Amino acid sequence: MLVLWITLERYRLVKDITTIENLQNVVKVRLSPKRFAHTLGVLDMARRLANHYGVSIEKAEVAAVLHDAMKERPLQEMQTMVMDAQIAVDSEMLNNGALLHGPAAAAYAKLELQIQDESICEAIRVHTLGSTHMSLLDKIIFLADYIEPNRDFPGVEELRALAFKDLNAAVIRAYDGTIRHLLDQGLSIHVDTIRGRNSVLLERSDT
């Protein structure tokens, strides 16, 4: 009976995400009001950036709504989800929910919501740390998470304006802000963040 219940519950979830509004409702019950407000802010910014840069708005919407779907779940649940989806993570990520929630959300999208579009799942997976060879969709979700309308930090308005003029320059500035914050807090910087920033720098130098 338990297996049948899980199957029926998963079917219900999949059936209920036929519109972006329904997907929001699925995610809303998993998040605190503050986290859901952030998600809606990311959705708004992702739509605008996707429209500006000619990226699928529908894909940007799905990735934005799901990017933090596992953010407030227990670490053990994140670990199980990632392992079940066979998403490769290193030990640093596996033991840190702040780093693992992106891969865990990608796993949730694949396993629980049956979202098989790899570009969407990848944008969800890398939205916190970034990665090498980021797609336009990856960059849009990464940046939307950083500059969504609820964010308030020195220079955010200038960064929002830059995002619509030079996406790569804005992504680099977002990387810089993240790295600076981690340094100020005395925290480690994951290698994917360093490699991601370097990759975008090289991409800019080649154009």
Protein backbone atom coordinates (compact mmCIF):
# COMPACT_ATOMS: atom_id res chain seq x y z
CA MET A 1 0.00 0.00 0.00
CA LEU A 2 2.85 2.41 0.78
CA VAL A 3 4.35 1.98 -2.69
CA LEU A 4 0.94 2.54 -4.24
CA TRP A 5 0.44 5.69 -2.15
CA ILE A 6 3.81 7.08 -3.20
CA THR A 7 2.98 6.37 -6.84
CA LEU A 8 -0.42 8.05 -6.59
CA GLU A 9 1.01 11.01 -4.71
CA ARG A 10 3.70 11.48 -7.35
CA TYR A 11 1.06 11.27 -10.09
CA ARG A 12 -0.96 13.94 -8.32
CA LEU A 13 2.05 16.23 -8.10
CA VAL A 14 2.91 15.77 -11.77
CA LYS A 15 -0.71 16.29 -12.80
CA ASP A 16 -0.84 19.50 -10.77
CA ILE A 17 2.11 21.22 -12.48
CA THR A 18 0.47 21.75 -15.86
CA THR A 19 0.70 25.53 -15.31
CA ILE A 20 3.35 27.66 -13.63
CA GLU A 21 0.74 28.79 -11.11
CA ASN A 22 0.10 25.18 -10.10
CA LEU A 23 3.83 24.58 -9.81
CA GLN A 24 4.06 27.58 -7.49
CA ASN A 25 1.37 26.03 -5.28
CA VAL A 26 3.28 22.73 -5.14
CA VAL A 27 6.42 24.57 -4.01
CA LYS A 28 4.68 27.03 -1.67
CA VAL A 29 3.78 24.36 0.88
CA ARG A 30 7.45 23.36 1.12
CA LEU A 31 8.75 26.85 1.93
CA SER A 32 8.46 29.49 4.63
CA PRO A 33 6.64 32.70 3.60
CA LYS A 34 9.96 34.56 3.37
CA ARG A 35 11.55 31.89 1.18
CA PHE A 36 8.49 31.71 -1.06
CA ALA A 37 8.52 35.51 -1.47
CA HIS A 38 12.15 35.18 -2.56
CA THR A 39 11.13 32.47 -5.03
CA LEU A 40 8.51 34.75 -6.56
CA GLY A 41 11.13 37.48 -6.83
CA VAL A 42 13.48 35.11 -8.66
CA LEU A 43 10.60 34.13 -10.94
CA ASP A 44 9.94 37.77 -11.80
CA MET A 45 13.58 38.55 -12.55
CA ALA A 46 14.13 35.29 -14.46
CA ARG A 47 11.17 36.05 -16.72
CA ARG A 48 12.51 39.51 -17.50
CA LEU A 49 16.03 38.32 -18.19
CA ALA A 50 14.86 35.38 -20.30
CA ASN A 51 12.68 37.66 -22.39
CA HIS A 52 15.54 40.14 -22.81
CA TYR A 53 18.08 37.52 -23.89
CA GLY A 54 15.78 35.35 -26.01
CA VAL A 55 15.79 32.34 -23.70
CA SER A 56 12.71 30.15 -23.22
CA ILE A 57 10.56 31.97 -20.68
CA GLU A 58 8.80 28.71 -19.82
CA LYS A 59 12.07 26.99 -18.91
CA ALA A 60 13.20 30.00 -16.91
CA GLU A 61 9.91 29.99 -15.01
CA VAL A 62 10.14 26.33 -14.05
CA ALA A 63 13.78 26.60 -12.98
CA ALA A 64 13.09 29.75 -10.97
CA VAL A 65 10.12 28.29 -9.11
CA LEU A 66 11.99 25.08 -8.25
CA HIS A 67 15.46 26.46 -7.51
CA ASP A 68 14.94 26.53 -3.72
CA ALA A 69 12.40 23.71 -3.45
CA MET A 70 14.73 21.77 -1.12
CA LYS A 71 16.28 24.77 0.65
CA GLU A 72 14.44 24.27 3.93
CA ARG A 73 14.39 20.47 4.00
CA PRO A 74 16.57 18.47 6.41
CA LEU A 75 20.10 17.73 5.24
CA GLN A 76 19.51 13.97 5.35
CA GLU A 77 16.52 14.35 3.04
CA MET A 78 18.65 16.38 0.62
CA GLN A 79 21.37 13.74 0.70
CA THR A 80 18.92 10.93 0.02
CA MET A 81 17.32 12.80 -2.86
CA VAL A 82 20.66 13.54 -4.50
CA MET A 83 21.88 9.97 -4.13
CA ASP A 84 18.62 8.54 -5.46
CA ALA A 85 18.91 10.77 -8.53
CA GLN A 86 22.59 9.83 -8.93
CA ILE A 87 23.66 13.46 -9.10
CA ALA A 88 27.40 13.73 -8.56
CA VAL A 89 28.46 15.89 -5.61
CA ASP A 90 31.66 16.07 -3.60
CA SER A 91 31.94 15.54 0.16
CA GLU A 92 31.96 19.27 0.88
CA MET A 93 28.62 19.71 -0.85
CA LEU A 94 27.14 16.51 0.55
CA ASN A 95 27.61 17.69 4.12
CA ASN A 96 26.52 21.31 3.70
CA GLY A 97 22.86 22.08 3.08
CA ALA A 98 23.66 25.58 1.81
CA LEU A 99 25.66 23.98 -1.00
CA LEU A 100 23.56 20.85 -1.48
CA HIS A 101 20.11 22.40 -1.86
CA GLY A 102 20.66 23.17 -5.57
CA PRO A 103 21.52 19.60 -6.57
CA ALA A 104 18.78 18.37 -4.21
CA ALA A 105 16.22 20.63 -5.90
CA ALA A 106 17.32 19.32 -9.30
CA ALA A 107 16.85 15.79 -7.96
CA TYR A 108 13.40 16.71 -6.63
CA ALA A 109 12.45 18.09 -10.04
CA LYS A 110 13.56 14.88 -11.75
CA LEU A 111 12.32 12.27 -9.31
CA GLU A 112 9.19 13.78 -7.79
CA LEU A 113 7.93 16.04 -10.58
CA GLN A 114 9.30 14.00 -13.50
CA ILE A 115 10.87 17.03 -15.15
CA GLN A 116 13.26 15.51 -17.66
CA ASP A 117 14.47 18.64 -19.43
CA GLU A 118 18.18 18.61 -18.63
CA SER A 119 18.63 22.34 -19.24
CA ILE A 120 16.06 23.15 -16.56
CA CYS A 121 17.49 20.67 -14.07
CA GLU A 122 21.03 21.91 -14.70
CA ALA A 123 20.04 25.54 -14.10
CA ILE A 124 18.47 24.49 -10.81
CA ARG A 125 21.51 22.40 -9.86
CA VAL A 126 24.12 25.14 -10.37
CA HIS A 127 22.18 28.19 -9.21
CA THR A 128 24.16 28.60 -5.99
CA LEU A 129 27.75 27.69 -6.86
CA GLY A 130 27.72 28.20 -10.60
CA SER A 131 29.78 25.97 -12.86
CA THR A 132 32.06 25.97 -15.86
CA HIS A 133 30.47 26.45 -19.29
CA MET A 134 27.21 27.87 -17.97
CA SER A 135 24.35 28.14 -20.45
CA LEU A 136 22.33 31.32 -20.83
CA LEU A 137 19.59 29.72 -18.74
CA ASP A 138 22.11 28.78 -16.04
CA LYS A 139 23.35 32.36 -15.89
CA ILE A 140 19.84 33.79 -15.80
CA ILE A 141 18.77 31.68 -12.81
CA PHE A 142 22.12 32.23 -11.05
CA LEU A 143 21.80 35.99 -11.49
CA ALA A 144 18.06 36.22 -10.84
CA ASP A 145 18.69 34.53 -7.48
CA TYR A 146 21.25 37.22 -6.65
CA ILE A 147 19.41 40.36 -7.82
CA GLU A 148 15.70 39.53 -7.45
CA PRO A 149 13.56 42.51 -6.32
CA ASN A 150 13.63 41.56 -2.63
CA ARG A 151 17.42 41.72 -2.47
CA ASP A 152 18.77 44.87 -0.84
CA PHE A 153 22.51 45.47 -0.68
CA PRO A 154 24.86 48.26 -1.77
CA GLY A 155 25.13 48.35 -5.56
CA VAL A 156 22.17 46.06 -6.29
CA GLU A 157 20.38 48.63 -8.45
CA GLU A 158 23.49 49.13 -10.58
CA LEU A 159 23.89 45.37 -10.88
CA ARG A 160 20.27 44.98 -11.98
CA ALA A 161 20.82 47.56 -14.70
CA LEU A 162 24.05 45.85 -15.78
CA ALA A 163 22.24 42.51 -16.02
CA PHE A 164 20.24 43.83 -18.98
CA LYS A 165 23.28 45.34 -20.69
CA ASP A 166 26.04 42.75 -20.23
CA LEU A 167 24.94 39.44 -18.75
CA ASN A 168 28.43 38.02 -18.35
CA ALA A 169 29.72 41.15 -16.62
CA ALA A 170 26.79 40.97 -14.21
CA VAL A 171 27.40 37.28 -13.53
CA ILE A 172 31.06 38.00 -12.74
CA ARG A 173 30.03 40.78 -10.38
CA ALA A 174 27.62 38.39 -8.65
CA TYR A 175 30.42 35.85 -8.27
CA ASP A 176 32.64 38.60 -6.84
CA GLY A 177 29.98 39.62 -4.34
CA THR A 178 29.50 36.03 -3.20
CA ILE A 179 33.23 35.43 -2.86
CA ARG A 180 33.71 38.70 -0.97
CA HIS A 181 30.91 37.77 1.44
CA LEU A 182 32.42 34.34 2.08
CA LEU A 183 35.84 35.88 2.70
CA ASP A 184 34.36 38.44 5.10
CA GLN A 185 32.64 35.61 6.99
CA GLY A 186 35.80 33.53 7.10
CA LEU A 187 34.11 30.73 5.16
CA SER A 188 35.52 28.40 2.53
CA ILE A 189 34.89 29.03 -1.16
CA HIS A 190 33.83 25.97 -3.11
CA VAL A 191 35.99 25.18 -6.11
CA ASP A 192 32.97 25.24 -8.44
CA THR A 193 32.51 28.94 -7.66
CA ILE A 194 36.14 29.72 -8.51
CA ARG A 195 36.01 27.65 -11.68
CA GLY A 196 32.67 29.16 -12.66
CA ARG A 197 33.93 32.71 -12.30
CA ASN A 198 37.10 31.90 -14.26
CA SER A 199 35.04 30.28 -17.01
CA VAL A 200 32.91 33.39 -17.50
CA LEU A 201 36.02 35.58 -17.47
CA LEU A 202 37.55 33.46 -20.23
CA GLU A 203 34.29 33.57 -22.16
CA ARG A 204 34.31 37.37 -22.05
CA SER A 205 37.95 37.54 -23.16
CA ASP A 206 37.18 35.36 -26.19
CA THR A 207 34.46 37.70 -27.50
